[in-house]
N, C-alpha and C. Protein backbone atom coordinates (compact mmCIF):
# COMPACT_ATOMS: atom_id res chain seq x y z
N MET A 1 257.54 -64.28 49.60
CA MET A 1 257.47 -64.10 51.03
C MET A 1 257.12 -65.46 51.66
N LYS A 2 257.84 -65.79 52.71
CA LYS A 2 257.59 -67.05 53.41
C LYS A 2 256.78 -66.77 54.67
N VAL A 3 255.68 -67.53 54.85
CA VAL A 3 254.84 -67.37 56.04
C VAL A 3 254.50 -68.74 56.62
N ASN A 4 254.13 -68.71 57.89
CA ASN A 4 253.66 -69.91 58.55
C ASN A 4 252.13 -69.85 58.57
N LEU A 5 251.49 -70.82 57.95
CA LEU A 5 250.04 -70.89 57.91
C LEU A 5 249.56 -71.89 58.95
N ILE A 6 248.59 -71.49 59.76
CA ILE A 6 248.04 -72.36 60.79
C ILE A 6 246.55 -72.52 60.51
N TYR A 7 246.10 -73.77 60.47
CA TYR A 7 244.70 -74.07 60.15
C TYR A 7 243.97 -74.55 61.41
N PHE A 8 242.71 -74.14 61.55
CA PHE A 8 241.93 -74.47 62.73
C PHE A 8 240.62 -75.17 62.38
N ALA A 9 240.12 -75.98 63.32
CA ALA A 9 238.80 -76.62 63.27
C ALA A 9 238.60 -77.36 61.96
N TRP A 10 237.44 -77.19 61.30
CA TRP A 10 237.18 -77.98 60.10
C TRP A 10 238.04 -77.57 58.91
N VAL A 11 238.62 -76.37 58.92
CA VAL A 11 239.58 -76.02 57.86
C VAL A 11 240.78 -76.98 57.96
N ARG A 12 241.28 -77.17 59.17
CA ARG A 12 242.40 -78.09 59.41
C ARG A 12 242.03 -79.52 59.01
N GLU A 13 240.84 -79.94 59.40
CA GLU A 13 240.41 -81.31 59.09
C GLU A 13 240.32 -81.54 57.59
N ARG A 14 239.80 -80.58 56.86
CA ARG A 14 239.63 -80.75 55.41
C ARG A 14 240.95 -80.66 54.66
N ILE A 15 241.86 -79.79 55.11
CA ILE A 15 243.16 -79.68 54.45
C ILE A 15 244.06 -80.84 54.86
N GLY A 16 243.88 -81.33 56.09
CA GLY A 16 244.66 -82.45 56.56
C GLY A 16 245.99 -82.06 57.17
N LYS A 17 246.14 -80.78 57.52
CA LYS A 17 247.38 -80.29 58.13
C LYS A 17 247.02 -79.31 59.24
N THR A 18 247.84 -79.30 60.28
CA THR A 18 247.67 -78.32 61.35
C THR A 18 248.30 -77.01 60.94
N GLU A 19 249.48 -77.07 60.34
CA GLU A 19 250.17 -75.88 59.87
C GLU A 19 251.17 -76.26 58.80
N GLU A 20 251.64 -75.24 58.09
CA GLU A 20 252.68 -75.44 57.10
C GLU A 20 253.36 -74.11 56.81
N GLU A 21 254.63 -74.20 56.45
CA GLU A 21 255.36 -73.01 56.02
C GLU A 21 255.29 -72.98 54.50
N MET A 22 255.02 -71.80 53.97
CA MET A 22 254.81 -71.70 52.53
C MET A 22 255.46 -70.44 51.99
N GLU A 23 256.10 -70.59 50.86
CA GLU A 23 256.64 -69.45 50.11
C GLU A 23 255.54 -68.97 49.19
N LEU A 24 255.09 -67.72 49.37
CA LEU A 24 253.99 -67.20 48.57
C LEU A 24 254.51 -66.43 47.37
N PRO A 25 253.83 -66.55 46.23
CA PRO A 25 254.24 -65.78 45.05
C PRO A 25 253.97 -64.28 45.27
N LYS A 26 254.68 -63.45 44.54
CA LYS A 26 254.53 -61.99 44.66
C LYS A 26 253.11 -61.53 44.36
N SER A 27 252.36 -62.31 43.61
CA SER A 27 250.98 -61.93 43.26
C SER A 27 250.03 -62.02 44.45
N VAL A 28 250.44 -62.68 45.52
CA VAL A 28 249.61 -62.79 46.72
C VAL A 28 249.90 -61.58 47.61
N VAL A 29 248.97 -60.62 47.59
CA VAL A 29 249.17 -59.35 48.29
C VAL A 29 248.22 -59.20 49.47
N THR A 30 246.99 -59.68 49.31
CA THR A 30 245.97 -59.53 50.35
C THR A 30 245.54 -60.90 50.88
N VAL A 31 244.76 -60.89 51.94
CA VAL A 31 244.19 -62.12 52.48
C VAL A 31 243.34 -62.81 51.41
N GLY A 32 242.55 -62.05 50.68
CA GLY A 32 241.74 -62.62 49.61
C GLY A 32 242.59 -63.31 48.55
N ASP A 33 243.72 -62.68 48.19
CA ASP A 33 244.65 -63.30 47.24
C ASP A 33 245.18 -64.62 47.79
N LEU A 34 245.49 -64.63 49.09
CA LEU A 34 246.00 -65.85 49.72
C LEU A 34 244.98 -66.98 49.65
N LEU A 35 243.73 -66.68 49.99
CA LEU A 35 242.69 -67.72 49.94
C LEU A 35 242.52 -68.26 48.53
N SER A 36 242.55 -67.38 47.54
CA SER A 36 242.45 -67.83 46.13
C SER A 36 243.64 -68.70 45.75
N HIS A 37 244.82 -68.30 46.18
CA HIS A 37 246.04 -69.07 45.89
C HIS A 37 245.95 -70.47 46.52
N LEU A 38 245.54 -70.52 47.78
CA LEU A 38 245.44 -71.81 48.46
C LEU A 38 244.43 -72.72 47.80
N LYS A 39 243.30 -72.17 47.34
CA LYS A 39 242.28 -73.00 46.68
C LYS A 39 242.83 -73.71 45.45
N GLY A 40 243.86 -73.13 44.84
CA GLY A 40 244.44 -73.73 43.64
C GLY A 40 245.49 -74.80 43.93
N LEU A 41 245.75 -75.10 45.20
CA LEU A 41 246.81 -76.05 45.55
C LEU A 41 246.36 -77.50 45.58
N GLY A 42 245.07 -77.74 45.45
CA GLY A 42 244.62 -79.12 45.45
C GLY A 42 243.20 -79.24 45.96
N GLU A 43 242.64 -80.42 45.77
CA GLU A 43 241.25 -80.67 46.12
C GLU A 43 240.94 -80.41 47.59
N GLU A 44 241.87 -80.79 48.48
CA GLU A 44 241.63 -80.60 49.91
C GLU A 44 241.54 -79.11 50.27
N TYR A 45 242.35 -78.28 49.64
CA TYR A 45 242.28 -76.83 49.88
C TYR A 45 240.99 -76.26 49.27
N GLU A 46 240.67 -76.72 48.08
CA GLU A 46 239.44 -76.27 47.41
C GLU A 46 238.22 -76.57 48.27
N THR A 47 238.18 -77.78 48.85
CA THR A 47 237.06 -78.17 49.71
C THR A 47 237.01 -77.32 50.97
N ALA A 48 238.14 -77.12 51.61
CA ALA A 48 238.19 -76.36 52.86
C ALA A 48 237.82 -74.90 52.66
N LEU A 49 238.15 -74.35 51.50
CA LEU A 49 237.98 -72.91 51.26
C LEU A 49 236.92 -72.62 50.21
N GLN A 50 236.00 -73.56 50.00
CA GLN A 50 235.02 -73.39 48.93
C GLN A 50 234.07 -72.21 49.17
N PHE A 51 233.91 -71.78 50.42
CA PHE A 51 233.08 -70.61 50.73
C PHE A 51 233.95 -69.58 51.44
N PRO A 52 234.81 -68.89 50.67
CA PRO A 52 235.79 -68.00 51.30
C PRO A 52 235.18 -66.87 52.12
N ASP A 53 233.95 -66.47 51.82
CA ASP A 53 233.33 -65.37 52.56
C ASP A 53 233.14 -65.68 54.04
N VAL A 54 233.05 -66.97 54.40
CA VAL A 54 232.85 -67.32 55.81
C VAL A 54 234.16 -67.59 56.54
N ILE A 55 235.26 -67.67 55.79
CA ILE A 55 236.55 -67.97 56.40
C ILE A 55 237.08 -66.74 57.13
N ARG A 56 237.54 -66.95 58.35
CA ARG A 56 238.13 -65.89 59.16
C ARG A 56 239.65 -66.03 59.09
N VAL A 57 240.34 -64.90 59.19
CA VAL A 57 241.80 -64.92 59.08
C VAL A 57 242.40 -64.00 60.14
N ALA A 58 243.52 -64.43 60.69
CA ALA A 58 244.28 -63.59 61.63
C ALA A 58 245.72 -63.51 61.13
N ILE A 59 246.26 -62.31 61.13
CA ILE A 59 247.66 -62.09 60.79
C ILE A 59 248.38 -61.73 62.08
N ASN A 60 249.42 -62.51 62.39
CA ASN A 60 250.17 -62.29 63.63
C ASN A 60 249.23 -62.18 64.83
N GLN A 61 248.24 -63.06 64.86
CA GLN A 61 247.26 -63.22 65.94
C GLN A 61 246.29 -62.04 66.08
N GLU A 62 246.09 -61.31 64.99
CA GLU A 62 245.12 -60.21 64.98
C GLU A 62 244.13 -60.44 63.84
N HIS A 63 242.84 -60.45 64.16
CA HIS A 63 241.82 -60.67 63.14
C HIS A 63 241.86 -59.56 62.09
N VAL A 64 241.73 -59.96 60.82
CA VAL A 64 241.77 -59.00 59.72
C VAL A 64 240.68 -59.33 58.71
N GLU A 65 240.37 -58.35 57.88
CA GLU A 65 239.42 -58.53 56.78
C GLU A 65 240.16 -59.10 55.56
N HIS A 66 239.40 -59.56 54.59
CA HIS A 66 240.00 -60.19 53.41
C HIS A 66 240.74 -59.21 52.50
N ASP A 67 240.50 -57.91 52.66
CA ASP A 67 241.22 -56.94 51.83
C ASP A 67 242.51 -56.45 52.50
N GLU A 68 242.83 -57.01 53.67
CA GLU A 68 244.03 -56.62 54.41
C GLU A 68 245.29 -57.13 53.69
N ALA A 69 246.31 -56.28 53.60
CA ALA A 69 247.59 -56.70 53.02
C ALA A 69 248.29 -57.68 53.95
N ILE A 70 249.00 -58.63 53.38
CA ILE A 70 249.70 -59.62 54.20
C ILE A 70 251.19 -59.31 54.33
N ALA A 71 251.65 -58.20 53.77
CA ALA A 71 253.06 -57.83 53.87
C ALA A 71 253.48 -57.80 55.34
N GLY A 72 254.60 -58.40 55.64
CA GLY A 72 255.12 -58.42 56.99
C GLY A 72 254.55 -59.51 57.88
N ALA A 73 253.63 -60.31 57.34
CA ALA A 73 253.03 -61.38 58.14
C ALA A 73 254.06 -62.47 58.42
N ARG A 74 254.13 -62.90 59.66
CA ARG A 74 254.97 -64.04 60.03
C ARG A 74 254.10 -65.28 60.18
N GLU A 75 252.87 -65.05 60.66
CA GLU A 75 251.96 -66.16 60.94
C GLU A 75 250.56 -65.75 60.48
N ILE A 76 249.91 -66.65 59.75
CA ILE A 76 248.54 -66.40 59.29
C ILE A 76 247.68 -67.57 59.72
N GLY A 77 246.68 -67.28 60.54
CA GLY A 77 245.74 -68.28 60.99
C GLY A 77 244.50 -68.27 60.12
N ILE A 78 244.02 -69.43 59.72
CA ILE A 78 242.85 -69.55 58.87
C ILE A 78 241.85 -70.47 59.55
N PHE A 79 240.63 -69.98 59.76
CA PHE A 79 239.65 -70.76 60.52
C PHE A 79 238.24 -70.44 60.11
N PRO A 80 237.30 -71.35 60.43
CA PRO A 80 235.90 -71.13 60.09
C PRO A 80 235.29 -70.09 61.02
N PRO A 81 234.06 -69.68 60.73
CA PRO A 81 233.40 -68.71 61.62
C PRO A 81 233.26 -69.26 63.04
N MET A 82 233.36 -68.38 63.99
CA MET A 82 233.21 -68.80 65.38
C MET A 82 231.73 -68.77 65.75
N THR A 83 231.35 -69.70 66.58
CA THR A 83 229.97 -69.72 67.04
C THR A 83 229.93 -69.42 68.53
N GLY A 84 228.86 -68.82 68.93
CA GLY A 84 228.69 -68.49 70.35
C GLY A 84 228.25 -69.71 71.13
N GLY A 85 228.27 -69.59 72.45
CA GLY A 85 227.88 -70.75 73.22
C GLY A 85 227.29 -70.41 74.47
């Protein structure tokens, strides 16, 4: 499955990309699977996603939990926790 990944804030800074299109292997079924897959792509991904429990994810601009299936996703946003102000 091909998806567009968009990175925000310090996730973007650590990975060094604003977005990228990626073909995901069939083994990537959930958001959690995606984060694990990305961590294996290199040191910059490992650094950005070293604490996956705090990473927030949106599928097609809708916030989802890490156990959410990614089937049908066109766009997946990955970002750090939001802070109030």
